[in-house]
Structure formats: structure tokens, C-alpha cells
Amino acid sequence: MEDKIWTCIVKRLSCTETEESAAVLDEWLKSDAAHIEQYLEAKNLWKMTALIEPEVPAEDAAELIHNYQQEEPTNAPRRMSFWKYGIAAALTGALLLAGLQFFRQDKPQPVEWVVHKTEPGRMDTLILPDQSTVCLNAGTEIRFRKNFTSEKIRDVQLKGEAYFEVQHDKTHPFVVTSGDIKTTVYGTSFNIRAYPNEAEMSVAVNSGKVGVQHVPSGDTAIFLLPNDKLSLRNGQLVRSTLDKADVSSWAQGEMIFEQMPLRDVLATVARRYRVEIKAGTEDYGDCKLTARFKDQPLSAILKTLNISMNIAARQVNDTIYLEGGNCM
């Protein structure tokens, strides 16, 4: 039944639906609320793999559930009109293959993950099984399935910061999940910063095109091109531009802070130099720093904090104690 249902979904999304396939899909959707969630996820994959124009609005899940809980079924011709907006006419192998994954989730399968971590104070480069390259910043963890190359979707989970150079494969989308952000690509180079203890997450593109979705909001994907950056702070997405050289500047030993909250700056410094930073009773909640450091020693950064914010620093072995300061 799985293959038949997926074929019905593809027909609906591609505007090739028949009365028979519509009836089968409607019955399946009405039978279980979980099926509606699977349908919406499959529809989102269709969008994220660029088969739908990015400006097409996403249907509200609650409205869809309400529609399919009505006693009288909707007729097929009206459904065809409802789903036709901006959907590509041709079916693709990528979607047909990837879609089956959603239905297999009904039958939990044991998943083996390969985990790679970098300790504070060191960076590392990792070659994935598909020959994609990932440069990992300090204090970063990346996970991918053991059978990575045989999966329909190249699924990667990230905590921390990494710069990706993804091998092009249009039939196997490359998806990075980092906190509340999901980034989908075919083959491109981009940077993701998503440390669990920082207030901001970001995705920046060096080459190619990526689709970024804020998963909790359920909003449609935002598509980024080279030099685009998308940041998430307090549930709000902010788009900006940056120099190409800055996308992966940290991999060349440079730290760039653009109005970054001081607490995130201190977390970055602690990871880079493998030290512990203690601020005592100071909060620094309203403090932000704009500065660039290229292969600078820790003492130079502490001096900058002292000059710009009047923060005194005292180092005892691998611990930095901060005192005083203001944000003016």
C-alpha cells in the first residue's frame, strides 16, 4: 500500500491526479491524522527540492485537517484546481525515491549513526561517504547515518558550526538539521552555525542555492543564493548579505563578530582557545561586539574587551575571570 499511496501523492502534487487516485488518497488522509502530517512533510520535500517556486504559500496544517474531517468529500475537479499553483509538471526520480522514506517511518527501523566531534581548541575536516567535505569548527558535533550513500536523502545532523562543500546529486537531496533549522541542497558550498548554547543560528551561502526552513513555524522555505545569510534569533528570521570571503572565514583562522551578543562572543572565544570564561555576577545581556580577529592571541582579544567595554580580565591557568564593564 505504501507505494500506491506515494504514487497518489505525487499525482496530486504534479497535477496529474485521476478520480481513482484522488479517492484513494482522500481515504488514506481521513483514516489517520498522522497521515496528514506525512503528506505535509512530503509536500514540503517537493518544495525544498525546488520543484515548486519559492513564493508559493504553504497550506495551513490545521485547515487541511479540518477539510479532511468533513463528512462530505471534496470533489476531484476542485482539488485539482487547489493544488495546481506553481507545481512542476514532470515527475522526478528524486521525489519518487525520497517520498517512500516518510511512510517507512510508520514501522520504526533501527538507525545506526556515525558521530564525529571536535573538541574545544581544534578544528577538523571530514570527508563524508558521498565525498562531500565538511570543515568542523571547535566544539562541533556532526551525525550521519551509517548507510549514508544508500539512503534516499543524505541526512546530516549538526550541533555547532560547519562549512559544507556538497557533492552534486540531484536524485539525493542533502539535508542538514541544526536545531530548529533545516537546510536542503543538491550540491553547493555553505556554512551553518548552530551552537546549542548561543542565541543565534545562521546559514550563509558561498556557491549554489539552498532552501532553509524554520521547522517550528511551518513556514515555506526561504531560498538563499551566494553571499546570502539567514539568521534566526528569538524565533525571527533576518536576511542579510556578506562578503564571500566571510562565509568560511573561521576556517582560515579569522573570527568575525558583527553586533554579536557578548555572551556568544565569550562562548566562541572559549571554544577557540580552549579556556573557561567566568563572568562572576556580570550578565552582559545588553552588550554586543563588532570586531575582527585574524590569528590573534587570546591576550589581544581580552585587551579589545578592556578597551571597548572596560572589562578587566584575569587569567589563572585555563580559566579567564572577567570583572566590571559597560556597553557604552
C-alpha atoms as a PDB file:
ATOM      1  CA  MET A   1       0.000   0.000   0.000  1.00  0.00           C
ATOM      2  CA  GLU A   2       2.929   2.352   0.656  1.00  0.00           C
ATOM      3  CA  ASP A   3       3.991   2.602  -2.987  1.00  0.00           C
ATOM      4  CA  LYS A   4       0.401   3.117  -4.107  1.00  0.00           C
ATOM      5  CA  ILE A   5      -0.193   5.948  -1.620  1.00  0.00           C
ATOM      6  CA  TRP A   6       3.037   7.666  -2.593  1.00  0.00           C
ATOM      7  CA  THR A   7       2.086   7.467  -6.260  1.00  0.00           C
ATOM      8  CA  CYS A   8      -1.243   9.118  -5.418  1.00  0.00           C
ATOM      9  CA  ILE A   9       0.549  11.932  -3.566  1.00  0.00           C
ATOM     10  CA  VAL A  10       2.914  12.527  -6.484  1.00  0.00           C
ATOM     11  CA  LYS A  11      -0.042  12.677  -8.864  1.00  0.00           C
ATOM     12  CA  ARG A  12      -1.725  15.292  -6.687  1.00  0.00           C
ATOM     13  CA  LEU A  13       1.362  17.459  -6.360  1.00  0.00           C
ATOM     14  CA  SER A  14       2.128  17.224 -10.089  1.00  0.00           C
ATOM     15  CA  CYS A  15      -1.449  17.932 -11.254  1.00  0.00           C
ATOM     16  CA  THR A  16      -1.806  14.509 -12.873  1.00  0.00           C
ATOM     17  CA  GLU A  17      -4.395  13.282 -10.380  1.00  0.00           C
ATOM     18  CA  THR A  18      -7.212  10.985 -11.516  1.00  0.00           C
ATOM     19  CA  GLU A  19     -10.563  10.409  -9.829  1.00  0.00           C
ATOM     20  CA  GLU A  20      -9.372   6.984  -8.691  1.00  0.00           C
ATOM     21  CA  SER A  21      -6.072   8.218  -7.213  1.00  0.00           C
ATOM     22  CA  ALA A  22      -7.868  11.157  -5.569  1.00  0.00           C
ATOM     23  CA  ALA A  23     -10.337   8.841  -3.873  1.00  0.00           C
ATOM     24  CA  VAL A  24      -7.551   6.566  -2.596  1.00  0.00           C
ATOM     25  CA  LEU A  25      -5.547   9.486  -1.218  1.00  0.00           C
ATOM     26  CA  ASP A  26      -8.570  11.148   0.405  1.00  0.00           C
ATOM     27  CA  GLU A  27      -9.498   7.937   2.179  1.00  0.00           C
ATOM     28  CA  TRP A  28      -5.931   7.497   3.403  1.00  0.00           C
ATOM     29  CA  LEU A  29      -5.785  11.075   4.703  1.00  0.00           C
ATOM     30  CA  LYS A  30      -9.104  10.757   6.540  1.00  0.00           C
ATOM     31  CA  SER A  31      -8.117   7.483   8.199  1.00  0.00           C
ATOM     32  CA  ASP A  32      -5.393   8.905  10.462  1.00  0.00           C
ATOM     33  CA  ALA A  33      -4.241  12.410  11.464  1.00  0.00           C
ATOM     34  CA  ALA A  34      -0.646  11.137  11.268  1.00  0.00           C
ATOM     35  CA  HIS A  35      -1.164  10.558   7.544  1.00  0.00           C
ATOM     36  CA  ILE A  36      -1.891  14.260   7.114  1.00  0.00           C
ATOM     37  CA  GLU A  37       1.419  15.113   8.781  1.00  0.00           C
ATOM     38  CA  GLN A  38       3.201  12.680   6.459  1.00  0.00           C
ATOM     39  CA  TYR A  39       1.505  14.258   3.474  1.00  0.00           C
ATOM     40  CA  LEU A  40       2.543  17.759   4.557  1.00  0.00           C
ATOM     41  CA  GLU A  41       6.130  16.608   5.072  1.00  0.00           C
ATOM     42  CA  ALA A  42       6.188  15.034   1.618  1.00  0.00           C
ATOM     43  CA  LYS A  43       4.761  18.233   0.151  1.00  0.00           C
ATOM     44  CA  ASN A  44       7.434  20.226   1.916  1.00  0.00           C
ATOM     45  CA  LEU A  45      10.149  17.998   0.420  1.00  0.00           C
ATOM     46  CA  TRP A  46       8.696  18.738  -3.005  1.00  0.00           C
ATOM     47  CA  LYS A  47       9.061  22.454  -2.324  1.00  0.00           C
ATOM     48  CA  MET A  48      12.505  22.224  -0.741  1.00  0.00           C
ATOM     49  CA  THR A  49      13.912  20.392  -3.741  1.00  0.00           C
ATOM     50  CA  ALA A  50      12.937  23.370  -5.908  1.00  0.00           C
ATOM     51  CA  LEU A  51      10.111  21.705  -7.833  1.00  0.00           C
ATOM     52  CA  ILE A  52       7.819  24.500  -6.619  1.00  0.00           C
ATOM     53  CA  GLU A  53       8.559  28.192  -6.928  1.00  0.00           C
ATOM     54  CA  PRO A  54       9.659  29.573  -3.538  1.00  0.00           C
ATOM     55  CA  GLU A  55       6.905  32.189  -3.386  1.00  0.00           C
ATOM     56  CA  VAL A  56       4.095  29.596  -3.356  1.00  0.00           C
ATOM     57  CA  PRO A  57       2.384  29.859   0.085  1.00  0.00           C
ATOM     58  CA  ALA A  58       2.256  26.767   2.288  1.00  0.00           C
ATOM     59  CA  GLU A  59      -1.208  25.498   3.233  1.00  0.00           C
ATOM     60  CA  ASP A  60      -2.033  25.640   6.890  1.00  0.00           C
ATOM     61  CA  ALA A  61      -1.970  22.184   8.510  1.00  0.00           C
ATOM     62  CA  ALA A  62      -4.957  22.908  10.738  1.00  0.00           C
ATOM     63  CA  GLU A  63      -7.054  23.927   7.746  1.00  0.00           C
ATOM     64  CA  LEU A  64      -6.073  20.765   5.891  1.00  0.00           C
ATOM     65  CA  ILE A  65      -7.015  18.580   8.849  1.00  0.00           C
ATOM     66  CA  HIS A  66     -10.350  20.386   9.123  1.00  0.00           C
ATOM     67  CA  ASN A  67     -11.070  19.867   5.431  1.00  0.00           C
ATOM     68  CA  TYR A  68     -10.437  16.145   5.591  1.00  0.00           C
ATOM     69  CA  GLN A  69     -12.511  15.669   8.713  1.00  0.00           C
ATOM     70  CA  GLN A  70     -15.660  16.890   6.981  1.00  0.00           C
ATOM     71  CA  GLU A  71     -18.317  14.239   6.338  1.00  0.00           C
ATOM     72  CA  GLU A  72     -18.828  15.124   2.680  1.00  0.00           C
ATOM     73  CA  PRO A  73     -15.744  14.537   0.450  1.00  0.00           C
ATOM     74  CA  THR A  74     -14.474  17.288  -1.802  1.00  0.00           C
ATOM     75  CA  ASN A  75     -14.888  16.543  -5.495  1.00  0.00           C
ATOM     76  CA  ALA A  76     -11.826  15.781  -7.572  1.00  0.00           C
ATOM     77  CA  PRO A  77     -12.002  18.714 -10.025  1.00  0.00           C
ATOM     78  CA  ARG A  78     -11.860  21.285  -7.186  1.00  0.00           C
ATOM     79  CA  ARG A  79      -8.874  19.515  -5.647  1.00  0.00           C
ATOM     80  CA  MET A  80      -7.028  19.691  -8.935  1.00  0.00           C
ATOM     81  CA  SER A  81      -7.545  23.437  -9.023  1.00  0.00           C
ATOM     82  CA  PHE A  82      -6.433  23.804  -5.388  1.00  0.00           C
ATOM     83  CA  TRP A  83      -3.105  22.019  -5.850  1.00  0.00           C
ATOM     84  CA  LYS A  84      -2.013  23.274  -9.237  1.00  0.00           C
ATOM     85  CA  TYR A  85      -0.276  26.511  -8.237  1.00  0.00           C
ATOM     86  CA  GLY A  86       3.327  26.603  -9.428  1.00  0.00           C
ATOM     87  CA  ILE A  87       3.909  22.816  -9.281  1.00  0.00           C
ATOM     88  CA  ALA A  88       6.244  21.389 -11.890  1.00  0.00           C
ATOM     89  CA  ALA A  89       4.506  19.083 -14.351  1.00  0.00           C
ATOM     90  CA  ALA A  90       7.251  16.482 -14.630  1.00  0.00           C
ATOM     91  CA  LEU A  91       7.739  13.768 -12.016  1.00  0.00           C
ATOM     92  CA  THR A  92      11.321  13.266 -10.858  1.00  0.00           C
ATOM     93  CA  GLY A  93      13.201  10.266  -9.573  1.00  0.00           C
ATOM     94  CA  ALA A  94      14.377  12.249  -6.581  1.00  0.00           C
ATOM     95  CA  LEU A  95      10.883  12.823  -5.284  1.00  0.00           C
ATOM     96  CA  LEU A  96       9.663   9.322  -6.052  1.00  0.00           C
ATOM     97  CA  LEU A  97      12.583   7.790  -4.184  1.00  0.00           C
ATOM     98  CA  ALA A  98      12.680  10.216  -1.283  1.00  0.00           C
ATOM     99  CA  GLY A  99       8.967  10.015  -0.626  1.00  0.00           C
ATOM    100  CA  LEU A 100       8.990   6.370   0.400  1.00  0.00           C
ATOM    101  CA  GLN A 101      11.062   7.315   3.435  1.00  0.00           C
ATOM    102  CA  PHE A 102       8.123   9.080   5.070  1.00  0.00           C
ATOM    103  CA  PHE A 103       5.902   6.012   5.006  1.00  0.00           C
ATOM    104  CA  ARG A 104       8.568   3.703   6.343  1.00  0.00           C
ATOM    105  CA  GLN A 105       8.577   5.855   9.470  1.00  0.00           C
ATOM    106  CA  ASP A 106       5.327   4.070  10.429  1.00  0.00           C
ATOM    107  CA  LYS A 107       7.467   0.983  11.024  1.00  0.00           C
ATOM    108  CA  PRO A 108      10.372   2.051  13.259  1.00  0.00           C
ATOM    109  CA  GLN A 109      13.677   0.775  11.974  1.00  0.00           C
ATOM    110  CA  PRO A 110      16.903   0.691  13.986  1.00  0.00           C
ATOM    111  CA  VAL A 111      19.148   3.534  12.883  1.00  0.00           C
ATOM    112  CA  GLU A 112      22.917   3.444  13.235  1.00  0.00           C
ATOM    113  CA  TRP A 113      24.625   6.826  13.336  1.00  0.00           C
ATOM    114  CA  VAL A 114      28.214   7.792  12.720  1.00  0.00           C
ATOM    115  CA  VAL A 115      29.182  10.572  15.139  1.00  0.00           C
ATOM    116  CA  HIS A 116      32.177  12.867  14.730  1.00  0.00           C
ATOM    117  CA  LYS A 117      33.106  15.529  17.299  1.00  0.00           C
ATOM    118  CA  THR A 118      35.734  18.233  17.570  1.00  0.00           C
ATOM    119  CA  GLU A 119      36.986  19.252  20.973  1.00  0.00           C
ATOM    120  CA  PRO A 120      37.377  22.896  22.056  1.00  0.00           C
ATOM    121  CA  GLY A 121      40.568  24.371  20.685  1.00  0.00           C
ATOM    122  CA  ARG A 122      40.713  22.332  17.492  1.00  0.00           C
ATOM    123  CA  MET A 123      39.065  22.143  14.064  1.00  0.00           C
ATOM    124  CA  ASP A 124      38.829  19.171  11.760  1.00  0.00           C
ATOM    125  CA  THR A 125      37.943  18.247   8.176  1.00  0.00           C
ATOM    126  CA  LEU A 126      35.707  15.278   7.443  1.00  0.00           C
ATOM    127  CA  ILE A 127      35.035  13.521   4.132  1.00  0.00           C
ATOM    128  CA  LEU A 128      31.528  12.071   4.076  1.00  0.00           C
ATOM    129  CA  PRO A 129      30.790   8.752   2.308  1.00  0.00           C
ATOM    130  CA  ASP A 130      29.426  10.644  -0.740  1.00  0.00           C
ATOM    131  CA  GLN A 131      32.765  12.557  -0.937  1.00  0.00           C
ATOM    132  CA  SER A 132      31.229  15.785   0.333  1.00  0.00           C
ATOM    133  CA  THR A 133      33.666  17.749   2.505  1.00  0.00           C
ATOM    134  CA  VAL A 134      32.802  19.215   5.905  1.00  0.00           C
ATOM    135  CA  CYS A 135      35.089  21.522   7.866  1.00  0.00           C
ATOM    136  CA  LEU A 136      34.119  21.433  11.555  1.00  0.00           C
ATOM    137  CA  ASN A 137      34.719  24.331  13.898  1.00  0.00           C
ATOM    138  CA  ALA A 138      35.756  23.833  17.519  1.00  0.00           C
ATOM    139  CA  GLY A 139      33.187  22.229  19.815  1.00  0.00           C
ATOM    140  CA  THR A 140      31.090  20.818  16.968  1.00  0.00           C
ATOM    141  CA  GLU A 141      29.255  17.509  16.569  1.00  0.00           C
ATOM    142  CA  ILE A 142      28.043  16.044  13.286  1.00  0.00           C
ATOM    143  CA  ARG A 143      25.971  12.878  12.829  1.00  0.00           C
ATOM    144  CA  PHE A 144      25.038  10.964   9.688  1.00  0.00           C
ATOM    145  CA  ARG A 145      23.527   7.562   9.018  1.00  0.00           C
ATOM    146  CA  LYS A 146      25.873   4.610   8.681  1.00  0.00           C
ATOM    147  CA  ASN A 147      24.287   3.687   5.351  1.00  0.00           C
ATOM    148  CA  PHE A 148      24.559   7.307   4.190  1.00  0.00           C
ATOM    149  CA  THR A 149      25.112   6.636   0.489  1.00  0.00           C
ATOM    150  CA  SER A 150      22.233   4.159   0.188  1.00  0.00           C
ATOM    151  CA  GLU A 151      19.628   6.458   1.771  1.00  0.00           C
ATOM    152  CA  LYS A 152      17.171   8.366  -0.405  1.00  0.00           C
ATOM    153  CA  ILE A 153      18.052  11.576   1.431  1.00  0.00           C
ATOM    154  CA  ARG A 154      21.581  12.388   2.586  1.00  0.00           C
ATOM    155  CA  ASP A 155      20.616  13.208   6.160  1.00  0.00           C
ATOM    156  CA  VAL A 156      23.047  15.107   8.418  1.00  0.00           C
ATOM    157  CA  GLN A 157      22.534  16.443  11.951  1.00  0.00           C
ATOM    158  CA  LEU A 158      24.694  19.287  13.226  1.00  0.00           C
ATOM    159  CA  LYS A 159      25.396  20.886  16.588  1.00  0.00           C
ATOM    160  CA  GLY A 160      27.942  23.664  16.275  1.00  0.00           C
ATOM    161  CA  GLU A 161      29.440  25.228  13.163  1.00  0.00           C
ATOM    162  CA  ALA A 162      30.485  23.608   9.897  1.00  0.00           C
ATOM    163  CA  TYR A 163      31.330  24.620   6.349  1.00  0.00           C
ATOM    164  CA  PHE A 164      29.988  22.197   3.735  1.00  0.00           C
ATOM    165  CA  GLU A 165      31.124  21.527   0.182  1.00  0.00           C
ATOM    166  CA  VAL A 166      28.441  19.128  -1.040  1.00  0.00           C
ATOM    167  CA  GLN A 167      28.845  16.785  -3.994  1.00  0.00           C
ATOM    168  CA  HIS A 168      26.097  17.372  -6.564  1.00  0.00           C
ATOM    169  CA  ASP A 169      23.466  14.634  -6.731  1.00  0.00           C
ATOM    170  CA  LYS A 170      20.064  15.783  -7.944  1.00  0.00           C
ATOM    171  CA  THR A 171      18.393  12.465  -7.048  1.00  0.00           C
ATOM    172  CA  HIS A 172      19.558  12.507  -3.414  1.00  0.00           C
ATOM    173  CA  PRO A 173      18.959  15.835  -1.644  1.00  0.00           C
ATOM    174  CA  PHE A 174      21.429  16.735   1.094  1.00  0.00           C
ATOM    175  CA  VAL A 175      19.559  17.831   4.231  1.00  0.00           C
ATOM    176  CA  VAL A 176      21.181  19.342   7.331  1.00  0.00           C
ATOM    177  CA  THR A 177      19.118  19.568  10.508  1.00  0.00           C
ATOM    178  CA  SER A 178      20.556  22.043  13.032  1.00  0.00           C
ATOM    179  CA  GLY A 179      18.290  22.901  15.927  1.00  0.00           C
ATOM    180  CA  ASP A 180      15.078  24.420  14.558  1.00  0.00           C
ATOM    181  CA  ILE A 181      16.607  24.958  11.101  1.00  0.00           C
ATOM    182  CA  LYS A 182      16.508  22.506   8.194  1.00  0.00           C
ATOM    183  CA  THR A 183      18.717  23.255   5.175  1.00  0.00           C
ATOM    184  CA  THR A 184      18.245  21.386   1.873  1.00  0.00           C
ATOM    185  CA  VAL A 185      20.671  21.384  -1.068  1.00  0.00           C
ATOM    186  CA  TYR A 186      21.747  19.274  -4.052  1.00  0.00           C
ATOM    187  CA  GLY A 187      25.349  20.401  -4.442  1.00  0.00           C
ATOM    188  CA  THR A 188      26.773  23.662  -3.167  1.00  0.00           C
ATOM    189  CA  SER A 189      29.017  25.219  -0.509  1.00  0.00           C
ATOM    190  CA  PHE A 190      27.601  26.889   2.566  1.00  0.00           C
ATOM    191  CA  ASN A 191      28.153  27.490   6.274  1.00  0.00           C
ATOM    192  CA  ILE A 192      25.857  26.694   9.194  1.00  0.00           C
ATOM    193  CA  ARG A 193      26.333  27.989  12.721  1.00  0.00           C
ATOM    194  CA  ALA A 194      24.036  26.418  15.322  1.00  0.00           C
ATOM    195  CA  TYR A 195      25.661  26.053  18.730  1.00  0.00           C
ATOM    196  CA  PRO A 196      23.063  24.924  21.307  1.00  0.00           C
ATOM    197  CA  ASN A 197      24.227  27.488  23.880  1.00  0.00           C
ATOM    198  CA  GLU A 198      24.077  30.503  21.551  1.00  0.00           C
ATOM    199  CA  ALA A 199      21.097  32.763  20.967  1.00  0.00           C
ATOM    200  CA  GLU A 200      21.516  32.938  17.191  1.00  0.00           C
ATOM    201  CA  MET A 201      21.650  30.366  14.407  1.00  0.00           C
ATOM    202  CA  SER A 202      22.673  31.226  10.845  1.00  0.00           C
ATOM    203  CA  VAL A 203      23.082  29.805   7.340  1.00  0.00           C
ATOM    204  CA  ALA A 204      25.346  31.525   4.797  1.00  0.00           C
ATOM    205  CA  VAL A 205      25.886  30.501   1.164  1.00  0.00           C
ATOM    206  CA  ASN A 206      29.152  30.586  -0.753  1.00  0.00           C
ATOM    207  CA  SER A 207      28.012  28.925  -4.003  1.00  0.00           C
ATOM    208  CA  GLY A 208      24.872  27.320  -5.377  1.00  0.00           C
ATOM    209  CA  LYS A 209      21.399  27.553  -3.848  1.00  0.00           C
ATOM    210  CA  VAL A 210      19.941  26.267  -0.592  1.00  0.00           C
ATOM    211  CA  GLY A 211      16.454  26.150   0.889  1.00  0.00           C
ATOM    212  CA  VAL A 212      16.174  26.986   4.594  1.00  0.00           C
ATOM    213  CA  GLN A 213      13.108  26.263   6.686  1.00  0.00           C
ATOM    214  CA  HIS A 214      12.292  27.239  10.258  1.00  0.00           C
ATOM    215  CA  VAL A 215      10.694  23.923  11.231  1.00  0.00           C
ATOM    216  CA  PRO A 216       8.558  25.002  14.258  1.00  0.00           C
ATOM    217  CA  SER A 217       6.851  27.794  12.301  1.00  0.00           C
ATOM    218  CA  GLY A 218       5.953  25.525   9.393  1.00  0.00           C
ATOM    219  CA  ASP A 219       6.636  28.418   7.008  1.00  0.00           C
ATOM    220  CA  THR A 220       7.633  27.760   3.427  1.00  0.00           C
ATOM    221  CA  ALA A 221      11.354  27.519   2.689  1.00  0.00           C
ATOM    222  CA  ILE A 222      13.461  30.631   2.135  1.00  0.00           C
ATOM    223  CA  PHE A 223      15.894  30.220  -0.749  1.00  0.00           C
ATOM    224  CA  LEU A 224      19.422  31.618  -0.419  1.00  0.00           C
ATOM    225  CA  LEU A 225      21.932  32.404  -3.176  1.00  0.00           C
ATOM    226  CA  PRO A 226      25.678  33.160  -2.935  1.00  0.00           C
ATOM    227  CA  ASN A 227      26.521  35.863  -0.366  1.00  0.00           C
ATOM    228  CA  ASP A 228      23.104  35.483   1.293  1.00  0.00           C
ATOM    229  CA  LYS A 229      22.879  34.916   5.023  1.00  0.00           C
ATOM    230  CA  LEU A 230      19.822  33.969   7.063  1.00  0.00           C
ATOM    231  CA  SER A 231      19.903  34.355  10.847  1.00  0.00           C
ATOM    232  CA  LEU A 232      17.438  33.083  13.432  1.00  0.00           C
ATOM    233  CA  ARG A 233      17.096  34.940  16.717  1.00  0.00           C
ATOM    234  CA  ASN A 234      14.146  34.777  19.109  1.00  0.00           C
ATOM    235  CA  GLY A 235      12.120  32.925  16.508  1.00  0.00           C
ATOM    236  CA  GLN A 236      12.607  35.676  13.911  1.00  0.00           C
ATOM    237  CA  LEU A 237      14.410  35.168  10.596  1.00  0.00           C
ATOM    238  CA  VAL A 238      16.605  38.004   9.324  1.00  0.00           C
ATOM    239  CA  ARG A 239      18.126  38.005   5.841  1.00  0.00           C
ATOM    240  CA  SER A 240      21.355  39.871   5.055  1.00  0.00           C
ATOM    241  CA  THR A 241      24.351  39.810   2.718  1.00  0.00           C
ATOM    242  CA  LEU A 242      28.022  39.275   3.417  1.00  0.00           C
ATOM    243  CA  ASP A 243      31.311  39.073   1.562  1.00  0.00           C
ATOM    244  CA  LYS A 244      32.085  35.707   0.009  1.00  0.00           C
ATOM    245  CA  ALA A 245      35.342  35.506   1.962  1.00  0.00           C
ATOM    246  CA  ASP A 246      33.441  35.843   5.237  1.00  0.00           C
ATOM    247  CA  VAL A 247      31.257  32.753   4.710  1.00  0.00           C
ATOM    248  CA  SER A 248      34.003  30.413   5.910  1.00  0.00           C
ATOM    249  CA  SER A 249      36.404  32.943   7.428  1.00  0.00           C
ATOM    250  CA  TRP A 250      36.639  30.992  10.679  1.00  0.00           C
ATOM    251  CA  ALA A 251      38.243  28.094   8.782  1.00  0.00           C
ATOM    252  CA  GLN A 252      41.080  30.461   7.816  1.00  0.00           C
ATOM    253  CA  GLY A 253      41.656  31.432  11.445  1.00  0.00           C
ATOM    254  CA  GLU A 254      39.524  34.586  11.477  1.00  0.00           C
ATOM    255  CA  MET A 255      36.798  35.426  13.971  1.00  0.00           C
ATOM    256  CA  ILE A 256      34.226  37.972  12.815  1.00  0.00           C
ATOM    257  CA  PHE A 257      31.728  39.473  15.232  1.00  0.00           C
ATOM    258  CA  GLU A 258      29.024  41.719  13.781  1.00  0.00           C
ATOM    259  CA  GLN A 259      26.947  43.101  16.631  1.00  0.00           C
ATOM    260  CA  MET A 260      27.151  39.694  18.256  1.00  0.00           C
ATOM    261  CA  PRO A 261      25.873  39.393  21.843  1.00  0.00           C
ATOM    262  CA  LEU A 262      28.834  39.390  24.171  1.00  0.00           C
ATOM    263  CA  ARG A 263      27.783  36.114  25.751  1.00  0.00           C
ATOM    264  CA  ASP A 264      28.035  34.444  22.318  1.00  0.00           C
ATOM    265  CA  VAL A 265      31.388  36.151  21.737  1.00  0.00           C
ATOM    266  CA  LEU A 266      32.713  34.745  25.008  1.00  0.00           C
ATOM    267  CA  ALA A 267      31.417  31.269  24.128  1.00  0.00           C
ATOM    268  CA  THR A 268      33.198  31.483  20.762  1.00  0.00           C
ATOM    269  CA  VAL A 269      36.457  32.597  22.375  1.00  0.00           C
ATOM    270  CA  ALA A 270      36.246  29.837  24.987  1.00  0.00           C
ATOM    271  CA  ARG A 271      35.857  27.179  22.279  1.00  0.00           C
ATOM    272  CA  ARG A 272      38.582  28.586  20.048  1.00  0.00           C
ATOM    273  CA  TYR A 273      41.218  28.940  22.768  1.00  0.00           C
ATOM    274  CA  ARG A 274      40.081  26.014  24.924  1.00  0.00           C
ATOM    275  CA  VAL A 275      39.598  28.060  28.062  1.00  0.00           C
ATOM    276  CA  GLU A 276      36.803  28.555  30.562  1.00  0.00           C
ATOM    277  CA  ILE A 277      35.468  32.089  30.905  1.00  0.00           C
ATOM    278  CA  LYS A 278      33.739  33.124  34.126  1.00  0.00           C
ATOM    279  CA  ALA A 279      31.919  36.444  34.350  1.00  0.00           C
ATOM    280  CA  GLY A 280      31.040  36.246  38.039  1.00  0.00           C
ATOM    281  CA  THR A 281      27.871  38.208  38.733  1.00  0.00           C
ATOM    282  CA  GLU A 282      28.091  40.188  35.484  1.00  0.00           C
ATOM    283  CA  ASP A 283      25.341  39.461  32.966  1.00  0.00           C
ATOM    284  CA  TYR A 284      26.454  41.407  29.842  1.00  0.00           C
ATOM    285  CA  GLY A 285      22.988  40.720  28.456  1.00  0.00           C
ATOM    286  CA  ASP A 286      22.784  44.044  26.588  1.00  0.00           C
ATOM    287  CA  CYS A 287      26.376  44.067  25.358  1.00  0.00           C
ATOM    288  CA  LYS A 288      27.241  43.473  21.694  1.00  0.00           C
ATOM    289  CA  LEU A 289      30.604  43.447  19.962  1.00  0.00           C
ATOM    290  CA  THR A 290      31.705  44.281  16.425  1.00  0.00           C
ATOM    291  CA  ALA A 291      35.301  43.239  15.780  1.00  0.00           C
ATOM    292  CA  ARG A 292      37.519  41.076  13.564  1.00  0.00           C
ATOM    293  CA  PHE A 293      40.438  38.982  14.751  1.00  0.00           C
ATOM    294  CA  LYS A 294      42.794  37.229  12.349  1.00  0.00           C
ATOM    295  CA  ASP A 295      45.085  34.687  14.000  1.00  0.00           C
ATOM    296  CA  GLN A 296      45.280  36.845  17.118  1.00  0.00           C
ATOM    297  CA  PRO A 297      46.410  35.537  20.514  1.00  0.00           C
ATOM    298  CA  LEU A 298      43.914  35.374  23.345  1.00  0.00           C
ATOM    299  CA  SER A 299      45.569  38.346  25.027  1.00  0.00           C
ATOM    300  CA  ALA A 300      44.703  40.594  22.056  1.00  0.00           C
ATOM    301  CA  ILE A 301      41.011  39.715  22.335  1.00  0.00           C
ATOM    302  CA  LEU A 302      40.956  40.322  26.076  1.00  0.00           C
ATOM    303  CA  LYS A 303      42.633  43.677  25.506  1.00  0.00           C
ATOM    304  CA  THR A 304      39.924  44.610  22.983  1.00  0.00           C
ATOM    305  CA  LEU A 305      37.241  43.826  25.569  1.00  0.00           C
ATOM    306  CA  ASN A 306      39.041  46.007  28.059  1.00  0.00           C
ATOM    307  CA  ILE A 307      39.347  48.962  25.666  1.00  0.00           C
ATOM    308  CA  SER A 308      35.875  48.778  24.129  1.00  0.00           C
ATOM    309  CA  MET A 309      33.820  47.735  27.163  1.00  0.00           C
ATOM    310  CA  ASN A 310      36.044  48.368  30.179  1.00  0.00           C
ATOM    311  CA  ILE A 311      36.046  44.674  31.043  1.00  0.00           C
ATOM    312  CA  ALA A 312      39.000  43.575  33.132  1.00  0.00           C
ATOM    313  CA  ALA A 313      40.294  40.051  32.522  1.00  0.00           C
ATOM    314  CA  ARG A 314      42.455  37.922  34.800  1.00  0.00           C
ATOM    315  CA  GLN A 315      43.768  34.558  33.637  1.00  0.00           C
ATOM    316  CA  VAL A 316      44.573  31.700  36.014  1.00  0.00           C
ATOM    317  CA  ASN A 317      45.794  28.659  34.093  1.00  0.00           C
ATOM    318  CA  ASP A 318      42.956  27.792  31.686  1.00  0.00           C
ATOM    319  CA  THR A 319      40.323  29.977  33.332  1.00  0.00           C
ATOM    320  CA  ILE A 320      39.582  33.623  32.484  1.00  0.00           C
ATOM    321  CA  TYR A 321      37.874  35.732  35.163  1.00  0.00           C
ATOM    322  CA  LEU A 322      36.033  38.842  33.953  1.00  0.00           C
ATOM    323  CA  GLU A 323      35.159  41.830  36.103  1.00  0.00           C
ATOM    324  CA  GLY A 324      33.348  45.128  35.552  1.00  0.00           C
ATOM    325  CA  GLY A 325      32.495  46.530  32.149  1.00  0.00           C
ATOM    326  CA  ASN A 326      29.872  48.580  30.424  1.00  0.00           C
ATOM    327  CA  CYS A 327      28.338  48.576  26.964  1.00  0.00           C
ATOM    328  CA  MET A 328      28.583  52.270  26.209  1.00  0.00           C
END
